[in-house]
Amino acid sequence: WWQRRATAAGLQPVTVSALSRPFPRTRLGRSAPYFTLTQFD
């Protein structure tokens, strides 16, 4: 996904690493969204 998006954004990826990062709920309760984001370096 990153390589496709980077190419469309005018970049040619040379090296890439991906790190999953949890994104905490901003509201309490089961219905609040919970995400896992990926940081690319």
PDB file of all heavy atoms in Angstrom:
ATOM      1  N   TRP A   1       0.846  -1.200   0.000  1.00  0.00           N
ATOM      2  CA  TRP A   1       0.000   0.000   0.000  1.00  0.00           C
ATOM      3  C   TRP A   1       0.880   1.248   0.000  1.00  0.00           C
ATOM      4  O   TRP A   1       0.660   2.173  -0.773  1.00  0.00           O
ATOM      5  CB  TRP A   1      -0.910  -0.004   1.233  1.00  0.00           C
ATOM      6  CG  TRP A   1      -1.763   1.220   1.337  1.00  0.00           C
ATOM      7  CD1 TRP A   1      -3.007   1.401   0.814  1.00  0.00           C
ATOM      8  CD2 TRP A   1      -1.427   2.453   1.996  1.00  0.00           C
ATOM      9  NE1 TRP A   1      -3.468   2.663   1.113  1.00  0.00           N
ATOM     10  CE2 TRP A   1      -2.507   3.331   1.846  1.00  0.00           C
ATOM     11  CE3 TRP A   1      -0.316   2.895   2.706  1.00  0.00           C
ATOM     12  CZ2 TRP A   1      -2.522   4.617   2.365  1.00  0.00           C
ATOM     13  CZ3 TRP A   1      -0.325   4.185   3.220  1.00  0.00           C
ATOM     14  CH2 TRP A   1      -1.421   5.025   3.054  1.00  0.00           C
ATOM     15  N   TRP A   2       1.878   1.275   0.893  1.00  0.00           N
ATOM     16  CA  TRP A   2       2.776   2.423   0.976  1.00  0.00           C
ATOM     17  C   TRP A   2       3.509   2.644  -0.345  1.00  0.00           C
ATOM     18  O   TRP A   2       3.621   3.771  -0.814  1.00  0.00           O
ATOM     19  CB  TRP A   2       3.772   2.269   2.112  1.00  0.00           C
ATOM     20  CG  TRP A   2       4.949   3.185   1.965  1.00  0.00           C
ATOM     21  CD1 TRP A   2       6.238   2.824   1.726  1.00  0.00           C
ATOM     22  CD2 TRP A   2       4.941   4.613   1.995  1.00  0.00           C
ATOM     23  NE1 TRP A   2       7.025   3.944   1.612  1.00  0.00           N
ATOM     24  CE2 TRP A   2       6.251   5.059   1.772  1.00  0.00           C
ATOM     25  CE3 TRP A   2       3.942   5.563   2.180  1.00  0.00           C
ATOM     26  CZ2 TRP A   2       6.603   6.408   1.739  1.00  0.00           C
ATOM     27  CZ3 TRP A   2       4.296   6.923   2.149  1.00  0.00           C
ATOM     28  CH2 TRP A   2       5.605   7.327   1.935  1.00  0.00           C
ATOM     29  N   GLN A   3       4.004   1.591  -0.958  1.00  0.00           N
ATOM     30  CA  GLN A   3       4.747   1.749  -2.206  1.00  0.00           C
ATOM     31  C   GLN A   3       3.865   2.312  -3.317  1.00  0.00           C
ATOM     32  O   GLN A   3       4.295   3.155  -4.089  1.00  0.00           O
ATOM     33  CB  GLN A   3       5.389   0.423  -2.606  1.00  0.00           C
ATOM     34  CG  GLN A   3       6.529   0.054  -1.676  1.00  0.00           C
ATOM     35  CD  GLN A   3       7.110  -1.321  -1.929  1.00  0.00           C
ATOM     36  OE1 GLN A   3       6.421  -2.223  -2.387  1.00  0.00           O
ATOM     37  NE2 GLN A   3       8.384  -1.491  -1.602  1.00  0.00           N
ATOM     38  N   ARG A   4       2.604   1.862  -3.387  1.00  0.00           N
ATOM     39  CA  ARG A   4       1.676   2.414  -4.384  1.00  0.00           C
ATOM     40  C   ARG A   4       1.405   3.895  -4.120  1.00  0.00           C
ATOM     41  O   ARG A   4       1.445   4.724  -5.033  1.00  0.00           O
ATOM     42  CB  ARG A   4       0.350   1.646  -4.379  1.00  0.00           C
ATOM     43  CG  ARG A   4       0.411   0.281  -5.002  1.00  0.00           C
ATOM     44  CD  ARG A   4      -0.984  -0.315  -5.209  1.00  0.00           C
ATOM     45  NE  ARG A   4      -1.804  -0.318  -3.999  1.00  0.00           N
ATOM     46  CZ  ARG A   4      -1.803  -1.269  -3.072  1.00  0.00           C
ATOM     47  NH1 ARG A   4      -1.005  -2.309  -3.195  1.00  0.00           N
ATOM     48  NH2 ARG A   4      -2.599  -1.185  -2.016  1.00  0.00           N
ATOM     49  N   ARG A   5       1.125   4.218  -2.860  1.00  0.00           N
ATOM     50  CA  ARG A   5       0.819   5.605  -2.511  1.00  0.00           C
ATOM     51  C   ARG A   5       2.040   6.520  -2.676  1.00  0.00           C
ATOM     52  O   ARG A   5       1.913   7.655  -3.125  1.00  0.00           O
ATOM     53  CB  ARG A   5       0.296   5.702  -1.081  1.00  0.00           C
ATOM     54  CG  ARG A   5      -1.055   5.058  -0.882  1.00  0.00           C
ATOM     55  CD  ARG A   5      -2.137   5.834  -1.638  1.00  0.00           C
ATOM     56  NE  ARG A   5      -3.409   5.184  -1.548  1.00  0.00           N
ATOM     57  CZ  ARG A   5      -4.479   5.704  -0.963  1.00  0.00           C
ATOM     58  NH1 ARG A   5      -4.425   6.896  -0.433  1.00  0.00           N
ATOM     59  NH2 ARG A   5      -5.600   5.022  -0.930  1.00  0.00           N
ATOM     60  N   ALA A   6       3.202   6.029  -2.290  1.00  0.00           N
ATOM     61  CA  ALA A   6       4.426   6.821  -2.426  1.00  0.00           C
ATOM     62  C   ALA A   6       4.714   7.117  -3.891  1.00  0.00           C
ATOM     63  O   ALA A   6       5.058   8.250  -4.243  1.00  0.00           O
ATOM     64  CB  ALA A   6       5.603   6.097  -1.780  1.00  0.00           C
ATOM     65  N   THR A   7       4.563   6.130  -4.740  1.00  0.00           N
ATOM     66  CA  THR A   7       4.801   6.321  -6.168  1.00  0.00           C
ATOM     67  C   THR A   7       3.836   7.356  -6.739  1.00  0.00           C
ATOM     68  O   THR A   7       4.244   8.248  -7.494  1.00  0.00           O
ATOM     69  CB  THR A   7       4.671   4.977  -6.914  1.00  0.00           C
ATOM     70  OG1 THR A   7       5.636   4.068  -6.371  1.00  0.00           O
ATOM     71  CG2 THR A   7       4.925   5.140  -8.398  1.00  0.00           C
ATOM     72  N   ALA A   8       2.568   7.270  -6.364  1.00  0.00           N
ATOM     73  CA  ALA A   8       1.576   8.240  -6.828  1.00  0.00           C
ATOM     74  C   ALA A   8       1.855   9.635  -6.274  1.00  0.00           C
ATOM     75  O   ALA A   8       1.445  10.636  -6.874  1.00  0.00           O
ATOM     76  CB  ALA A   8       0.177   7.780  -6.430  1.00  0.00           C
ATOM     77  N   ALA A   9       2.549   9.712  -5.142  1.00  0.00           N
ATOM     78  CA  ALA A   9       2.865  10.987  -4.507  1.00  0.00           C
ATOM     79  C   ALA A   9       4.187  11.566  -4.998  1.00  0.00           C
ATOM     80  O   ALA A   9       4.687  12.537  -4.423  1.00  0.00           O
ATOM     81  CB  ALA A   9       2.907  10.826  -2.987  1.00  0.00           C
ATOM     82  N   GLY A  10       4.778  10.996  -6.022  1.00  0.00           N
ATOM     83  CA  GLY A  10       6.011  11.533  -6.579  1.00  0.00           C
ATOM     84  C   GLY A  10       7.270  11.065  -5.887  1.00  0.00           C
ATOM     85  O   GLY A  10       8.294  11.737  -5.945  1.00  0.00           O
ATOM     86  N   LEU A  11       7.201   9.911  -5.246  1.00  0.00           N
ATOM     87  CA  LEU A  11       8.373   9.336  -4.582  1.00  0.00           C
ATOM     88  C   LEU A  11       8.699   7.970  -5.161  1.00  0.00           C
ATOM     89  O   LEU A  11       7.809   7.238  -5.574  1.00  0.00           O
ATOM     90  CB  LEU A  11       8.113   9.165  -3.080  1.00  0.00           C
ATOM     91  CG  LEU A  11       7.895  10.425  -2.272  1.00  0.00           C
ATOM     92  CD1 LEU A  11       7.421  10.069  -0.870  1.00  0.00           C
ATOM     93  CD2 LEU A  11       9.170  11.247  -2.209  1.00  0.00           C
ATOM     94  N   GLN A  12       9.973   7.632  -5.171  1.00  0.00           N
ATOM     95  CA  GLN A  12      10.419   6.294  -5.534  1.00  0.00           C
ATOM     96  C   GLN A  12      11.030   5.680  -4.280  1.00  0.00           C
ATOM     97  O   GLN A  12      12.138   6.041  -3.873  1.00  0.00           O
ATOM     98  CB  GLN A  12      11.461   6.339  -6.647  1.00  0.00           C
ATOM     99  CG  GLN A  12      11.992   4.980  -7.019  1.00  0.00           C
ATOM    100  CD  GLN A  12      13.166   5.083  -7.991  1.00  0.00           C
ATOM    101  OE1 GLN A  12      13.668   6.160  -8.274  1.00  0.00           O
ATOM    102  NE2 GLN A  12      13.606   3.949  -8.465  1.00  0.00           N
ATOM    103  N   PRO A  13      10.291   4.775  -3.601  1.00  0.00           N
ATOM    104  CA  PRO A  13      10.817   4.180  -2.373  1.00  0.00           C
ATOM    105  C   PRO A  13      12.118   3.410  -2.624  1.00  0.00           C
ATOM    106  O   PRO A  13      12.230   2.675  -3.597  1.00  0.00           O
ATOM    107  CB  PRO A  13       9.707   3.226  -1.931  1.00  0.00           C
ATOM    108  CG  PRO A  13       8.474   3.733  -2.604  1.00  0.00           C
ATOM    109  CD  PRO A  13       8.941   4.311  -3.908  1.00  0.00           C
ATOM    110  N   VAL A  14      13.098   3.617  -1.754  1.00  0.00           N
ATOM    111  CA  VAL A  14      14.370   2.905  -1.820  1.00  0.00           C
ATOM    112  C   VAL A  14      14.423   1.867  -0.704  1.00  0.00           C
ATOM    113  O   VAL A  14      14.730   0.711  -0.935  1.00  0.00           O
ATOM    114  CB  VAL A  14      15.563   3.890  -1.724  1.00  0.00           C
ATOM    115  CG1 VAL A  14      16.883   3.144  -1.695  1.00  0.00           C
ATOM    116  CG2 VAL A  14      15.516   4.891  -2.865  1.00  0.00           C
ATOM    117  N   THR A  15      14.127   2.307   0.520  1.00  0.00           N
ATOM    118  CA  THR A  15      14.021   1.388   1.655  1.00  0.00           C
ATOM    119  C   THR A  15      12.723   1.719   2.387  1.00  0.00           C
ATOM    120  O   THR A  15      12.239   2.852   2.328  1.00  0.00           O
ATOM    121  CB  THR A  15      15.189   1.528   2.646  1.00  0.00           C
ATOM    122  OG1 THR A  15      15.151   2.827   3.229  1.00  0.00           O
ATOM    123  CG2 THR A  15      16.527   1.293   1.968  1.00  0.00           C
ATOM    124  N   VAL A  16      12.162   0.735   3.067  1.00  0.00           N
ATOM    125  CA  VAL A  16      10.944   0.985   3.846  1.00  0.00           C
ATOM    126  C   VAL A  16      10.875   0.000   5.003  1.00  0.00           C
ATOM    127  O   VAL A  16      11.274  -1.161   4.873  1.00  0.00           O
ATOM    128  CB  VAL A  16       9.672   0.896   2.973  1.00  0.00           C
ATOM    129  CG1 VAL A  16       9.458  -0.491   2.426  1.00  0.00           C
ATOM    130  CG2 VAL A  16       8.448   1.355   3.748  1.00  0.00           C
ATOM    131  N   SER A  17      10.429   0.501   6.140  1.00  0.00           N
ATOM    132  CA  SER A  17      10.098  -0.362   7.272  1.00  0.00           C
ATOM    133  C   SER A  17       8.730   0.081   7.776  1.00  0.00           C
ATOM    134  O   SER A  17       8.352   1.241   7.641  1.00  0.00           O
ATOM    135  CB  SER A  17      11.152  -0.266   8.375  1.00  0.00           C
ATOM    136  OG  SER A  17      11.164   1.032   8.935  1.00  0.00           O
ATOM    137  N   ALA A  18       7.998  -0.862   8.333  1.00  0.00           N
ATOM    138  CA  ALA A  18       6.650  -0.584   8.816  1.00  0.00           C
ATOM    139  C   ALA A  18       6.545  -0.989  10.276  1.00  0.00           C
ATOM    140  O   ALA A  18       7.008  -2.058  10.663  1.00  0.00           O
ATOM    141  CB  ALA A  18       5.628  -1.343   7.978  1.00  0.00           C
ATOM    142  N   LEU A  19       5.940  -0.132  11.084  1.00  0.00           N
ATOM    143  CA  LEU A  19       5.770  -0.389  12.503  1.00  0.00           C
ATOM    144  C   LEU A  19       4.317  -0.130  12.865  1.00  0.00           C
ATOM    145  O   LEU A  19       3.809   0.986  12.678  1.00  0.00           O
ATOM    146  CB  LEU A  19       6.690   0.532  13.315  1.00  0.00           C
ATOM    147  CG  LEU A  19       6.595   0.448  14.829  1.00  0.00           C
ATOM    148  CD1 LEU A  19       6.997  -0.945  15.320  1.00  0.00           C
ATOM    149  CD2 LEU A  19       7.464   1.508  15.457  1.00  0.00           C
ATOM    150  N   SER A  20       3.628  -1.157  13.381  1.00  0.00           N
ATOM    151  CA  SER A  20       2.239  -0.987  13.808  1.00  0.00           C
ATOM    152  C   SER A  20       2.206  -0.222  15.122  1.00  0.00           C
ATOM    153  O   SER A  20       2.993  -0.486  16.026  1.00  0.00           O
ATOM    154  CB  SER A  20       1.561  -2.340  13.999  1.00  0.00           C
ATOM    155  OG  SER A  20       1.417  -2.977  12.758  1.00  0.00           O
ATOM    156  N   ARG A  21       1.282   0.719  15.198  1.00  0.00           N
ATOM    157  CA  ARG A  21       1.127   1.525  16.407  1.00  0.00           C
ATOM    158  C   ARG A  21      -0.353   1.576  16.767  1.00  0.00           C
ATOM    159  O   ARG A  21      -1.162   2.008  15.954  1.00  0.00           O
ATOM    160  CB  ARG A  21       1.630   2.937  16.189  1.00  0.00           C
ATOM    161  CG  ARG A  21       3.116   3.000  15.923  1.00  0.00           C
ATOM    162  CD  ARG A  21       3.579   4.438  15.994  1.00  0.00           C
ATOM    163  NE  ARG A  21       4.995   4.537  15.895  1.00  0.00           N
ATOM    164  CZ  ARG A  21       5.818   4.528  16.933  1.00  0.00           C
ATOM    165  NH1 ARG A  21       5.356   4.402  18.138  1.00  0.00           N
ATOM    166  NH2 ARG A  21       7.112   4.647  16.760  1.00  0.00           N
ATOM    167  N   PRO A  22      -0.709   1.170  17.976  1.00  0.00           N
ATOM    168  CA  PRO A  22      -2.111   1.269  18.380  1.00  0.00           C
ATOM    169  C   PRO A  22      -2.510   2.731  18.536  1.00  0.00           C
ATOM    170  O   PRO A  22      -1.709   3.568  18.949  1.00  0.00           O
ATOM    171  CB  PRO A  22      -2.164   0.534  19.714  1.00  0.00           C
ATOM    172  CG  PRO A  22      -0.767   0.540  20.212  1.00  0.00           C
ATOM    173  CD  PRO A  22       0.129   0.594  19.013  1.00  0.00           C
ATOM    174  N   PHE A  23      -3.707   3.029  18.154  1.00  0.00           N
ATOM    175  CA  PHE A  23      -4.258   4.371  18.286  1.00  0.00           C
ATOM    176  C   PHE A  23      -5.385   4.281  19.301  1.00  0.00           C
ATOM    177  O   PHE A  23      -6.401   3.639  19.041  1.00  0.00           O
ATOM    178  CB  PHE A  23      -4.776   4.858  16.927  1.00  0.00           C
ATOM    179  CG  PHE A  23      -5.215   6.283  16.926  1.00  0.00           C
ATOM    180  CD1 PHE A  23      -4.295   7.296  16.762  1.00  0.00           C
ATOM    181  CD2 PHE A  23      -6.546   6.614  17.090  1.00  0.00           C
ATOM    182  CE1 PHE A  23      -4.690   8.625  16.753  1.00  0.00           C
ATOM    183  CE2 PHE A  23      -6.952   7.942  17.086  1.00  0.00           C
ATOM    184  CZ  PHE A  23      -6.020   8.944  16.911  1.00  0.00           C
ATOM    185  N   PRO A  24      -5.233   4.867  20.486  1.00  0.00           N
ATOM    186  CA  PRO A  24      -6.224   4.660  21.554  1.00  0.00           C
ATOM    187  C   PRO A  24      -7.561   5.321  21.252  1.00  0.00           C
ATOM    188  O   PRO A  24      -7.650   6.262  20.473  1.00  0.00           O
ATOM    189  CB  PRO A  24      -5.563   5.313  22.763  1.00  0.00           C
ATOM    190  CG  PRO A  24      -4.612   6.303  22.193  1.00  0.00           C
ATOM    191  CD  PRO A  24      -4.154   5.746  20.875  1.00  0.00           C
ATOM    192  N   ARG A  25      -8.569   4.791  21.897  1.00  0.00           N
ATOM    193  CA  ARG A  25      -9.907   5.378  21.792  1.00  0.00           C
ATOM    194  C   ARG A  25      -9.884   6.768  22.423  1.00  0.00           C
ATOM    195  O   ARG A  25      -9.253   6.988  23.451  1.00  0.00           O
ATOM    196  CB  ARG A  25     -10.920   4.502  22.509  1.00  0.00           C
ATOM    197  CG  ARG A  25     -11.152   3.210  21.807  1.00  0.00           C
ATOM    198  CD  ARG A  25     -12.217   2.414  22.557  1.00  0.00           C
ATOM    199  NE  ARG A  25     -12.675   1.323  21.725  1.00  0.00           N
ATOM    200  CZ  ARG A  25     -12.411   0.063  21.955  1.00  0.00           C
ATOM    201  NH1 ARG A  25     -11.703  -0.294  23.000  1.00  0.00           N
ATOM    202  NH2 ARG A  25     -12.857  -0.869  21.146  1.00  0.00           N
ATOM    203  N   THR A  26     -10.607   7.684  21.818  1.00  0.00           N
ATOM    204  CA  THR A  26     -10.694   9.030  22.372  1.00  0.00           C
ATOM    205  C   THR A  26     -11.900   9.177  23.279  1.00  0.00           C
ATOM    206  O   THR A  26     -11.996  10.122  24.037  1.00  0.00           O
ATOM    207  CB  THR A  26     -10.767  10.073  21.247  1.00  0.00           C
ATOM    208  OG1 THR A  26     -11.864   9.754  20.388  1.00  0.00           O
ATOM    209  CG2 THR A  26      -9.483  10.089  20.440  1.00  0.00           C
ATOM    210  N   ARG A  27     -12.832   8.217  23.181  1.00  0.00           N
ATOM    211  CA  ARG A  27     -14.013   8.201  24.056  1.00  0.00           C
ATOM    212  C   ARG A  27     -14.054   6.852  24.754  1.00  0.00           C
ATOM    213  O   ARG A  27     -13.592   5.857  24.221  1.00  0.00           O
ATOM    214  CB  ARG A  27     -15.299   8.346  23.235  1.00  0.00           C
ATOM    215  CG  ARG A  27     -15.414   9.663  22.496  1.00  0.00           C
ATOM    216  CD  ARG A  27     -16.667   9.666  21.656  1.00  0.00           C
ATOM    217  NE  ARG A  27     -16.510   8.671  20.594  1.00  0.00           N
ATOM    218  CZ  ARG A  27     -17.498   8.132  19.901  1.00  0.00           C
ATOM    219  NH1 ARG A  27     -18.723   8.453  20.168  1.00  0.00           N
ATOM    220  NH2 ARG A  27     -17.269   7.258  18.959  1.00  0.00           N
ATOM    221  N   LEU A  28     -14.647   6.839  25.912  1.00  0.00           N
ATOM    222  CA  LEU A  28     -14.799   5.578  26.622  1.00  0.00           C
ATOM    223  C   LEU A  28     -16.040   4.859  26.104  1.00  0.00           C
ATOM    224  O   LEU A  28     -16.997   5.475  25.678  1.00  0.00           O
ATOM    225  CB  LEU A  28     -14.922   5.822  28.129  1.00  0.00           C
ATOM    226  CG  LEU A  28     -13.694   6.476  28.773  1.00  0.00           C
ATOM    227  CD1 LEU A  28     -13.969   6.742  30.251  1.00  0.00           C
ATOM    228  CD2 LEU A  28     -12.479   5.596  28.616  1.00  0.00           C
ATOM    229  N   GLY A  29     -16.012   3.560  26.152  1.00  0.00           N
ATOM    230  CA  GLY A  29     -17.164   2.779  25.716  1.00  0.00           C
ATOM    231  C   GLY A  29     -16.802   1.849  24.584  1.00  0.00           C
ATOM    232  O   GLY A  29     -15.845   2.073  23.851  1.00  0.00           O
ATOM    233  N   ARG A  30     -17.573   0.811  24.445  1.00  0.00           N
ATOM    234  CA  ARG A  30     -17.286  -0.199  23.417  1.00  0.00           C
ATOM    235  C   ARG A  30     -17.490   0.322  22.008  1.00  0.00           C
ATOM    236  O   ARG A  30     -16.883  -0.168  21.070  1.00  0.00           O
ATOM    237  CB  ARG A  30     -18.183  -1.415  23.630  1.00  0.00           C
ATOM    238  CG  ARG A  30     -17.830  -2.215  24.853  1.00  0.00           C
ATOM    239  CD  ARG A  30     -18.658  -3.446  24.844  1.00  0.00           C
ATOM    240  NE  ARG A  30     -17.972  -4.453  24.070  1.00  0.00           N
ATOM    241  CZ  ARG A  30     -17.675  -5.650  24.491  1.00  0.00           C
ATOM    242  NH1 ARG A  30     -18.012  -6.005  25.698  1.00  0.00           N
ATOM    243  NH2 ARG A  30     -17.063  -6.508  23.723  1.00  0.00           N
ATOM    244  N   SER A  31     -18.379   1.284  21.827  1.00  0.00           N
ATOM    245  CA  SER A  31     -18.671   1.746  20.466  1.00  0.00           C
ATOM    246  C   SER A  31     -17.636   2.728  19.939  1.00  0.00           C
ATOM    247  O   SER A  31     -17.661   3.073  18.771  1.00  0.00           O
ATOM    248  CB  SER A  31     -20.061   2.381  20.415  1.00  0.00           C
ATOM    249  OG  SER A  31     -20.074   3.544  21.228  1.00  0.00           O
ATOM    250  N   ALA A  32     -16.740   3.195  20.793  1.00  0.00           N
ATOM    251  CA  ALA A  32     -15.713   4.124  20.338  1.00  0.00           C
ATOM    252  C   ALA A  32     -14.759   3.413  19.387  1.00  0.00           C
ATOM    253  O   ALA A  32     -14.403   2.259  19.598  1.00  0.00           O
ATOM    254  CB  ALA A  32     -14.944   4.687  21.536  1.00  0.00           C
ATOM    255  N   PRO A  33     -14.334   4.085  18.320  1.00  0.00           N
ATOM    256  CA  PRO A  33     -13.441   3.426  17.353  1.00  0.00           C
ATOM    257  C   PRO A  33     -12.065   3.139  17.940  1.00  0.00           C
ATOM    258  O   PRO A  33     -11.575   3.886  18.786  1.00  0.00           O
ATOM    259  CB  PRO A  33     -13.344   4.430  16.213  1.00  0.00           C
ATOM    260  CG  PRO A  33     -13.674   5.738  16.825  1.00  0.00           C
ATOM    261  CD  PRO A  33     -14.623   5.459  17.949  1.00  0.00           C
ATOM    262  N   TYR A  34     -11.469   2.053  17.512  1.00  0.00           N
ATOM    263  CA  TYR A  34     -10.107   1.694  17.896  1.00  0.00           C
ATOM    264  C   TYR A  34      -9.366   1.362  16.614  1.00  0.00           C
ATOM    265  O   TYR A  34      -9.863   0.606  15.782  1.00  0.00           O
ATOM    266  CB  TYR A  34     -10.089   0.491  18.830  1.00  0.00           C
ATOM    267  CG  TYR A  34      -8.691   0.097  19.236  1.00  0.00           C
ATOM    268  CD1 TYR A  34      -8.055   0.750  20.272  1.00  0.00           C
ATOM    269  CD2 TYR A  34      -8.001  -0.898  18.554  1.00  0.00           C
ATOM    270  CE1 TYR A  34      -6.775   0.420  20.645  1.00  0.00           C
ATOM    271  CE2 TYR A  34      -6.705  -1.236  18.919  1.00  0.00           C
ATOM    272  CZ  TYR A  34      -6.100  -0.575  19.968  1.00  0.00           C
ATOM    273  OH  TYR A  34      -4.822  -0.902  20.315  1.00  0.00           O
ATOM    274  N   PHE A  35      -8.206   1.940  16.439  1.00  0.00           N
ATOM    275  CA  PHE A  35      -7.456   1.754  15.207  1.00  0.00           C
ATOM    276  C   PHE A  35      -6.063   1.220  15.508  1.00  0.00           C
ATOM    277  O   PHE A  35      -5.519   1.460  16.581  1.00  0.00           O
ATOM    278  CB  PHE A  35      -7.285   3.086  14.466  1.00  0.00           C
ATOM    279  CG  PHE A  35      -8.565   3.771  14.148  1.00  0.00           C
ATOM    280  CD1 PHE A  35      -9.022   4.808  14.935  1.00  0.00           C
ATOM    281  CD2 PHE A  35      -9.320   3.380  13.061  1.00  0.00           C
ATOM    282  CE1 PHE A  35     -10.209   5.450  14.646  1.00  0.00           C
ATOM    283  CE2 PHE A  35     -10.509   4.008  12.759  1.00  0.00           C
ATOM    284  CZ  PHE A  35     -10.955   5.044  13.565  1.00  0.00           C
ATOM    285  N   THR A  36      -5.499   0.539  14.567  1.00  0.00           N
ATOM    286  CA  THR A  36      -4.079   0.252  14.569  1.00  0.00           C
ATOM    287  C   THR A  36      -3.514   0.944  13.345  1.00  0.00           C
ATOM    288  O   THR A  36      -3.921   0.666  12.214  1.00  0.00           O
ATOM    289  CB  THR A  36      -3.793  -1.259  14.499  1.00  0.00           C
ATOM    290  OG1 THR A  36      -4.367  -1.881  15.645  1.00  0.00           O
ATOM    291  CG2 THR A  36      -2.304  -1.525  14.480  1.00  0.00           C
ATOM    292  N   LEU A  37      -2.631   1.887  13.564  1.00  0.00           N
ATOM    293  CA  LEU A  37      -2.021   2.637  12.481  1.00  0.00           C
ATOM    294  C   LEU A  37      -0.645   2.057  12.185  1.00  0.00           C
ATOM    295  O   LEU A  37      -0.035   1.441  13.048  1.00  0.00           O
ATOM    296  CB  LEU A  37      -1.889   4.109  12.859  1.00  0.00           C
ATOM    297  CG  LEU A  37      -3.182   4.819  13.228  1.00  0.00           C
ATOM    298  CD1 LEU A  37      -2.890   6.248  13.654  1.00  0.00           C
ATOM    299  CD2 LEU A  37      -4.157   4.795  12.078  1.00  0.00           C
ATOM    300  N   THR A  38      -0.170   2.250  10.985  1.00  0.00           N
ATOM    301  CA  THR A  38       1.157   1.784  10.598  1.00  0.00           C
ATOM    302  C   THR A  38       2.019   2.992  10.274  1.00  0.00           C
ATOM    303  O   THR A  38       1.622   3.851   9.480  1.00  0.00           O
ATOM    304  CB  THR A  38       1.086   0.849   9.377  1.00  0.00           C
ATOM    305  OG1 THR A  38       0.242  -0.253   9.694  1.00  0.00           O
ATOM    306  CG2 THR A  38       2.468   0.337   9.004  1.00  0.00           C
ATOM    307  N   GLN A  39       3.165   3.060  10.900  1.00  0.00           N
ATOM    308  CA  GLN A  39       4.139   4.120  10.619  1.00  0.00           C
ATOM    309  C   GLN A  39       5.173   3.563   9.666  1.00  0.00           C
ATOM    310  O   GLN A  39       5.765   2.514   9.923  1.00  0.00           O
ATOM    311  CB  GLN A  39       4.812   4.580  11.904  1.00  0.00           C
ATOM    312  CG  GLN A  39       5.898   5.613  11.665  1.00  0.00           C
ATOM    313  CD  GLN A  39       6.559   6.037  12.953  1.00  0.00           C
ATOM    314  OE1 GLN A  39       5.921   6.134  13.998  1.00  0.00           O
ATOM    315  NE2 GLN A  39       7.854   6.285  12.887  1.00  0.00           N
ATOM    316  N   PHE A  40       5.387   4.271   8.557  1.00  0.00           N
ATOM    317  CA  PHE A  40       6.376   3.866   7.571  1.00  0.00           C
ATOM    318  C   PHE A  40       7.583   4.780   7.676  1.00  0.00           C
ATOM    319  O   PHE A  40       7.448   5.995   7.727  1.00  0.00           O
ATOM    320  CB  PHE A  40       5.803   3.953   6.151  1.00  0.00           C
ATOM    321  CG  PHE A  40       4.632   3.047   5.933  1.00  0.00           C
ATOM    322  CD1 PHE A  40       3.335   3.527   6.021  1.00  0.00           C
ATOM    323  CD2 PHE A  40       4.824   1.710   5.642  1.00  0.00           C
ATOM    324  CE1 PHE A  40       2.255   2.695   5.833  1.00  0.00           C
ATOM    325  CE2 PHE A  40       3.748   0.864   5.456  1.00  0.00           C
ATOM    326  CZ  PHE A  40       2.460   1.361   5.552  1.00  0.00           C
ATOM    327  N   ASP A  41       8.768   4.187   7.712  1.00  0.00           N
ATOM    328  CA  ASP A  41      10.021   4.930   7.717  1.00  0.00           C
ATOM    329  C   ASP A  41      10.891   4.376   6.603  1.00  0.00           C
ATOM    330  O   ASP A  41      10.819   3.188   6.286  1.00  0.00           O
ATOM    331  CB  ASP A  41      10.751   4.763   9.057  1.00  0.00           C
ATOM    332  CG  ASP A  41      10.009   5.397  10.203  1.00  0.00           C
ATOM    333  OD1 ASP A  41       9.660   6.581  10.088  1.00  0.00           O
ATOM    334  OD2 ASP A  41       9.783   4.706  11.210  1.00  0.00           O
TER     335      ASP A  41
END
